[in-house]
Amino acid sequence: MAILGSKFVVLSLIVLSFVVGGVQSRKFDELFQASWALDHVINEGEQLKLKLDSYSGAGFASKSKYMYGKTTVQIKLVEGDSAGTVTAFYMSSEGPNHHEFDFEFLGNTSGEPVLVQTNIYINGVGNRSRGTVSGSTQQKTSTPTQSSGTNAKFMVDETPIRVYTNREKQGIPFPKEQAMGVYSSIWNADDWATQGGRVKTDWSHAPFVSSYRGFEIDGCECPSSTAMEENTRRCSNVVVGGGKGFWWDEPVFGELSVHQSHQLMWVRANHMIYDYCADSGRFPVSPLECVRHQHH
């Protein structure tokens, strides 16, 4: 799971209950569009670049919203001294009670490891951060997430680094039933991103550039004009006439394989440097999902 500046990292978000309507593509323009600072978004056809300088960062967003499925992208993070910068890849619904799944790559000084921070928002409430050290600054690759009604998986180079499991039957909320867009951005966060804000962005190294390729979305697309209940019904494994359901509803995607379970345990044992479930200073009473299950 090395993340170095000269290589692309494959980020995958698998939301088994997060749907993307049967869409598969590797073309940026088919799935995404620049969302802000258009002059800092460089589309080179097979590759896209987001640029950060002292004037602005930049971002892009999916043209559609989805509920369940998998979204993947390959990212090459800022090379060299990237202290103070953050490159994010995430999925989010809209409104104050939104759901969200975040990858944030926190900048570093040259030669230091890359910190991958993940977070989950449910009904507008976050504070579910995990921090993982991934390799060194010379090789950086990222993969999005996969989601279904049973879990949400965060994967880097096909290695699961976090799984949030549906425990609604135990009274623990699970982020579903809200269509999400897929987003990425780069911005300056030197008030907190590197060593708690002690290391500031060195603008003499600007512009800072994150590069992207291999855009893929495979899930249930949700038209904005469609009611939430209709999207949920259409994107779940309720098939009229007994036809075949969706891949994200298959049991094999509801659980980690034995190999993936071992990978996740290895990441937690060797690379995790922060876990909100273990932060008794911030959470004197352990969050309910931390008590009830291991993978979250």
Protein backbone atom coordinates (compact mmCIF):
# COMPACT_ATOMS: atom_id res chain seq x y z
CA MET A 1 0.00 0.00 0.00
CA ALA A 2 2.89 2.31 -0.76
CA ILE A 3 1.85 5.81 -1.80
CA LEU A 4 4.58 7.66 -3.60
CA GLY A 5 4.63 10.75 -5.82
CA SER A 6 5.74 9.17 -9.08
CA LYS A 7 2.88 6.65 -9.43
CA PHE A 8 -0.89 6.67 -9.58
CA VAL A 9 -2.86 5.30 -6.62
CA VAL A 10 -6.15 3.50 -7.21
CA LEU A 11 -8.94 4.71 -4.90
CA SER A 12 -12.22 2.83 -4.68
CA LEU A 13 -15.39 3.63 -2.77
CA ILE A 14 -17.76 0.70 -2.66
CA VAL A 15 -21.07 1.60 -1.13
CA LEU A 16 -23.24 -1.45 -1.02
CA SER A 17 -26.37 0.58 -0.70
CA PHE A 18 -24.79 3.44 -2.54
CA VAL A 19 -26.01 3.08 -6.10
CA VAL A 20 -24.61 4.13 -9.44
CA GLY A 21 -26.97 3.27 -12.29
CA GLY A 22 -25.19 0.82 -14.48
CA VAL A 23 -22.63 3.36 -15.69
CA GLN A 24 -19.08 2.34 -16.60
CA SER A 25 -16.55 4.66 -18.22
CA ARG A 26 -12.97 5.86 -18.20
CA LYS A 27 -13.67 9.22 -19.84
CA PHE A 28 -13.72 12.22 -17.52
CA ASP A 29 -16.11 14.21 -19.71
CA GLU A 30 -18.69 11.42 -19.75
CA LEU A 31 -19.02 11.26 -15.97
CA PHE A 32 -17.64 14.50 -14.51
CA GLN A 33 -17.31 18.23 -15.01
CA ALA A 34 -15.22 21.00 -13.46
CA SER A 35 -17.13 22.51 -10.53
CA TRP A 36 -15.05 25.52 -9.45
CA ALA A 37 -11.93 27.47 -10.47
CA LEU A 38 -12.24 26.28 -14.06
CA ASP A 39 -8.92 27.92 -14.99
CA HIS A 40 -7.21 25.61 -12.48
CA VAL A 41 -8.71 22.44 -14.01
CA ILE A 42 -6.57 21.06 -16.88
CA ASN A 43 -8.24 18.43 -19.05
CA GLU A 44 -5.67 16.55 -21.14
CA GLY A 45 -8.07 13.93 -22.48
CA GLU A 46 -7.01 10.69 -20.80
CA GLN A 47 -5.69 12.61 -17.80
CA LEU A 48 -7.04 15.47 -15.70
CA LYS A 49 -5.08 17.79 -13.42
CA LEU A 50 -6.22 20.01 -10.55
CA LYS A 51 -3.94 22.92 -9.70
CA LEU A 52 -3.49 24.78 -6.41
CA ASP A 53 -1.66 28.10 -6.14
CA SER A 54 -1.85 31.09 -3.81
CA TYR A 55 -4.94 32.33 -5.67
CA SER A 56 -7.14 29.24 -5.69
CA GLY A 57 -7.58 25.49 -5.52
CA ALA A 58 -9.93 23.59 -7.83
CA GLY A 59 -12.46 20.79 -7.98
CA PHE A 60 -14.70 18.61 -10.12
CA ALA A 61 -18.00 16.81 -9.60
CA SER A 62 -19.96 13.98 -11.19
CA LYS A 63 -22.73 15.00 -13.59
CA SER A 64 -25.15 12.54 -11.95
CA LYS A 65 -25.89 11.30 -8.45
CA TYR A 66 -25.98 7.67 -7.35
CA MET A 67 -27.06 5.43 -4.47
CA TYR A 68 -25.25 2.06 -4.46
CA GLY A 69 -22.27 0.73 -6.38
CA LYS A 70 -18.59 1.46 -6.84
CA THR A 71 -16.61 4.49 -7.96
CA THR A 72 -12.90 4.31 -8.71
CA VAL A 73 -10.22 6.75 -9.80
CA GLN A 74 -6.44 6.69 -10.06
CA ILE A 75 -4.76 9.69 -8.43
CA LYS A 76 -1.17 10.84 -8.48
CA LEU A 77 -0.80 13.21 -5.56
CA VAL A 78 1.32 16.34 -5.31
CA GLU A 79 4.99 15.48 -5.70
CA GLY A 80 7.76 16.82 -3.49
CA ASP A 81 6.97 19.26 -0.68
CA SER A 82 3.18 19.32 -0.45
CA ALA A 83 2.91 20.52 3.17
CA GLY A 84 -0.33 22.37 3.88
CA THR A 85 -2.23 20.97 0.91
CA VAL A 86 -5.15 18.54 0.89
CA THR A 87 -6.33 16.43 -2.04
CA ALA A 88 -9.79 14.97 -1.44
CA PHE A 89 -11.89 12.35 -3.19
CA TYR A 90 -15.34 11.84 -1.75
CA MET A 91 -19.02 11.11 -2.23
CA SER A 92 -21.70 13.30 -0.70
CA SER A 93 -25.42 14.01 -0.77
CA GLU A 94 -26.79 17.53 -0.28
CA GLY A 95 -28.31 19.47 2.58
CA PRO A 96 -27.66 19.86 6.32
CA ASN A 97 -28.53 16.22 6.98
CA HIS A 98 -26.30 14.88 4.23
CA HIS A 99 -24.37 11.61 4.07
CA GLU A 100 -20.71 11.64 3.01
CA PHE A 101 -17.71 9.31 2.54
CA ASP A 102 -14.31 11.06 2.46
CA PHE A 103 -10.75 10.31 1.38
CA GLU A 104 -8.38 13.17 2.29
CA PHE A 105 -4.67 13.02 1.45
CA LEU A 106 -2.83 15.40 3.73
CA GLY A 107 0.29 17.09 2.37
CA ASN A 108 3.75 16.44 3.76
CA THR A 109 7.28 17.76 3.66
CA SER A 110 9.58 15.92 1.27
CA GLY A 111 10.46 12.41 2.36
CA GLU A 112 7.71 12.05 4.95
CA PRO A 113 4.88 9.48 4.69
CA VAL A 114 1.53 10.40 3.20
CA LEU A 115 -1.40 10.52 5.61
CA VAL A 116 -4.71 9.18 4.29
CA GLN A 117 -7.61 10.40 6.40
CA THR A 118 -11.09 8.92 5.97
CA ASN A 119 -14.29 10.25 7.45
CA ILE A 120 -17.99 9.40 7.36
CA TYR A 121 -20.91 11.79 7.76
CA ILE A 122 -24.35 10.43 8.65
CA ASN A 123 -27.30 12.82 8.74
CA GLY A 124 -24.92 15.77 8.74
CA VAL A 125 -22.72 14.54 11.61
CA GLY A 126 -19.07 13.59 10.99
CA ASN A 127 -16.42 13.07 13.68
CA ARG A 128 -15.71 9.54 12.45
CA SER A 129 -12.12 10.09 11.33
CA ARG A 130 -9.46 7.46 10.76
CA GLY A 131 -5.87 8.35 9.90
CA THR A 132 -3.62 5.90 8.05
CA VAL A 133 0.02 6.29 7.03
CA SER A 134 0.56 5.04 3.50
CA GLY A 135 4.10 4.51 2.28
CA SER A 136 6.28 7.48 1.37
CA THR A 137 5.85 10.69 -0.56
CA GLN A 138 7.29 9.29 -3.77
CA GLN A 139 4.40 7.00 -4.79
CA LYS A 140 0.81 8.04 -4.37
CA THR A 141 -2.17 6.10 -5.63
CA SER A 142 -5.76 6.25 -4.54
CA THR A 143 -8.97 4.34 -5.02
CA PRO A 144 -12.60 5.37 -4.37
CA THR A 145 -15.32 3.59 -2.50
CA GLN A 146 -17.82 0.81 -2.84
CA SER A 147 -21.18 0.77 -1.13
CA SER A 148 -24.26 -1.39 -0.78
CA GLY A 149 -27.08 -1.66 1.71
CA THR A 150 -24.78 -3.78 3.85
CA ASN A 151 -21.53 -1.81 4.06
CA ALA A 152 -19.29 0.92 2.71
CA LYS A 153 -15.71 0.02 1.80
CA PHE A 154 -12.76 2.41 1.43
CA MET A 155 -10.03 0.83 -0.71
CA VAL A 156 -6.55 1.98 -1.77
CA ASP A 157 -4.94 -0.04 -4.55
CA GLU A 158 -7.65 -2.68 -4.01
CA THR A 159 -6.66 -3.02 -0.34
CA PRO A 160 -9.49 -2.26 2.13
CA ILE A 161 -8.39 0.36 4.65
CA ARG A 162 -11.81 0.88 6.23
CA VAL A 163 -15.24 -0.78 6.26
CA TYR A 164 -18.39 0.72 7.77
CA THR A 165 -20.96 -2.01 8.29
CA ASN A 166 -24.73 -1.60 8.40
CA ARG A 167 -25.91 -2.17 11.99
CA GLU A 168 -29.31 -0.52 11.75
CA LYS A 169 -30.91 -3.45 13.55
CA GLN A 170 -28.85 -2.48 16.61
CA GLY A 171 -30.02 1.15 16.37
CA ILE A 172 -26.85 2.43 14.65
CA PRO A 173 -27.56 4.72 11.67
CA PHE A 174 -26.21 3.76 8.26
CA PRO A 175 -25.75 6.30 5.43
CA LYS A 176 -28.15 5.18 2.73
CA GLU A 177 -31.31 6.34 0.93
CA GLN A 178 -29.69 9.60 -0.17
CA ALA A 179 -28.31 9.87 -3.68
CA MET A 180 -24.69 11.04 -3.68
CA GLY A 181 -22.48 12.91 -6.09
CA VAL A 182 -18.80 12.01 -6.58
CA TYR A 183 -16.32 14.84 -6.04
CA SER A 184 -12.62 15.68 -5.86
CA SER A 185 -10.74 18.85 -4.98
CA ILE A 186 -7.40 20.30 -3.96
CA TRP A 187 -7.11 23.21 -1.55
CA ASN A 188 -4.88 24.91 1.01
CA ALA A 189 -5.44 23.72 4.58
CA ASP A 190 -2.18 24.71 6.25
CA ASP A 191 -4.04 25.69 9.41
CA TRP A 192 -4.39 21.96 10.23
CA ALA A 193 -3.27 19.58 7.46
CA THR A 194 0.45 19.09 8.15
CA GLN A 195 1.63 18.37 11.70
CA GLY A 196 -1.50 19.97 13.09
CA GLY A 197 -0.86 23.22 11.23
CA ARG A 198 2.69 23.69 12.45
CA VAL A 199 4.07 23.35 8.91
CA LYS A 200 2.69 25.94 6.49
CA THR A 201 2.37 25.84 2.71
CA ASP A 202 5.52 26.96 0.89
CA TRP A 203 4.08 28.88 -2.06
CA SER A 204 7.49 29.01 -3.75
CA HIS A 205 6.75 25.38 -4.72
CA ALA A 206 3.41 26.26 -6.34
CA PRO A 207 1.57 25.30 -8.39
CA PHE A 208 0.73 22.08 -6.54
CA VAL A 209 -0.84 19.55 -8.93
CA SER A 210 -2.86 16.36 -8.41
CA SER A 211 -3.35 14.20 -11.51
CA TYR A 212 -6.26 11.84 -12.29
CA ARG A 213 -7.05 9.06 -14.74
CA GLY A 214 -9.08 5.83 -14.92
CA PHE A 215 -12.47 7.31 -14.00
CA GLU A 216 -15.07 4.61 -13.33
CA ILE A 217 -18.55 4.53 -11.85
CA ASP A 218 -20.60 1.35 -11.73
CA GLY A 219 -23.83 1.61 -9.80
CA CYS A 220 -27.39 2.97 -9.78
CA GLU A 221 -27.88 6.42 -11.25
CA CYS A 222 -30.57 8.54 -9.58
CA PRO A 223 -32.20 11.28 -11.68
CA SER A 224 -32.70 14.45 -9.65
CA SER A 225 -36.37 14.47 -10.59
CA THR A 226 -36.98 11.05 -9.00
CA ALA A 227 -38.31 10.76 -5.44
CA MET A 228 -36.08 9.18 -2.79
CA GLU A 229 -38.46 6.28 -2.27
CA GLU A 230 -38.49 5.51 -5.99
CA ASN A 231 -34.69 5.61 -6.18
CA THR A 232 -34.42 3.26 -3.21
CA ARG A 233 -36.88 0.79 -4.76
CA ARG A 234 -35.30 0.97 -8.21
CA CYS A 235 -31.75 0.55 -6.94
CA SER A 236 -32.39 -2.29 -4.51
CA ASN A 237 -32.67 -5.98 -5.25
CA VAL A 238 -36.45 -5.84 -5.56
CA VAL A 239 -36.90 -7.07 -9.11
CA VAL A 240 -40.36 -7.34 -10.66
CA GLY A 241 -40.96 -10.78 -12.20
CA GLY A 242 -38.10 -12.46 -10.35
CA GLY A 243 -35.40 -11.21 -12.69
CA LYS A 244 -31.73 -10.86 -11.84
CA GLY A 245 -30.84 -8.26 -9.22
CA PHE A 246 -27.87 -5.89 -9.03
CA TRP A 247 -24.28 -6.94 -8.37
CA TRP A 248 -24.05 -4.85 -5.20
CA ASP A 249 -26.88 -6.85 -3.65
CA GLU A 250 -25.07 -10.16 -4.10
CA PRO A 251 -23.97 -11.74 -0.77
CA VAL A 252 -20.33 -11.88 -1.87
CA PHE A 253 -20.15 -8.07 -1.80
CA GLY A 254 -21.73 -7.83 1.63
CA GLU A 255 -18.70 -9.23 3.45
CA LEU A 256 -14.94 -9.09 3.09
CA SER A 257 -13.22 -12.15 1.73
CA VAL A 258 -10.78 -13.94 4.03
CA HIS A 259 -7.90 -12.29 2.18
CA GLN A 260 -9.48 -8.83 2.46
CA SER A 261 -10.14 -9.36 6.18
CA HIS A 262 -6.46 -10.16 6.68
CA GLN A 263 -5.49 -7.09 4.64
CA LEU A 264 -7.72 -4.85 6.76
CA MET A 265 -6.29 -6.24 10.00
CA TRP A 266 -2.77 -5.69 8.66
CA VAL A 267 -3.54 -2.06 7.76
CA ARG A 268 -5.04 -1.42 11.18
CA ALA A 269 -2.06 -3.00 12.96
CA ASN A 270 0.73 -1.45 10.86
CA HIS A 271 -0.51 1.80 9.34
CA MET A 272 -3.30 3.31 11.43
CA ILE A 273 -2.18 6.31 13.51
CA TYR A 274 -5.57 7.69 14.58
CA ASP A 275 -8.91 6.08 15.34
CA TYR A 276 -11.81 8.12 16.67
CA CYS A 277 -13.06 5.01 18.48
CA ALA A 278 -9.91 5.05 20.62
CA ASP A 279 -9.97 8.82 21.30
CA SER A 280 -11.39 8.94 24.82
CA GLY A 281 -10.41 12.60 25.10
CA ARG A 282 -12.84 13.63 22.36
CA PHE A 283 -15.33 10.86 23.07
CA PRO A 284 -15.51 10.04 26.81
CA VAL A 285 -18.50 7.88 25.94
CA SER A 286 -17.53 5.60 23.08
CA PRO A 287 -19.70 6.03 19.96
CA LEU A 288 -22.25 3.25 19.66
CA GLU A 289 -20.81 1.81 16.44
CA CYS A 290 -17.39 1.52 18.10
CA VAL A 291 -18.81 -0.67 20.84
CA ARG A 292 -20.99 -2.90 18.70
CA HIS A 293 -18.69 -3.98 15.89
CA GLN A 294 -15.09 -4.02 14.77
CA HIS A 295 -15.21 -2.88 11.13
CA HIS A 296 -16.29 0.72 10.89
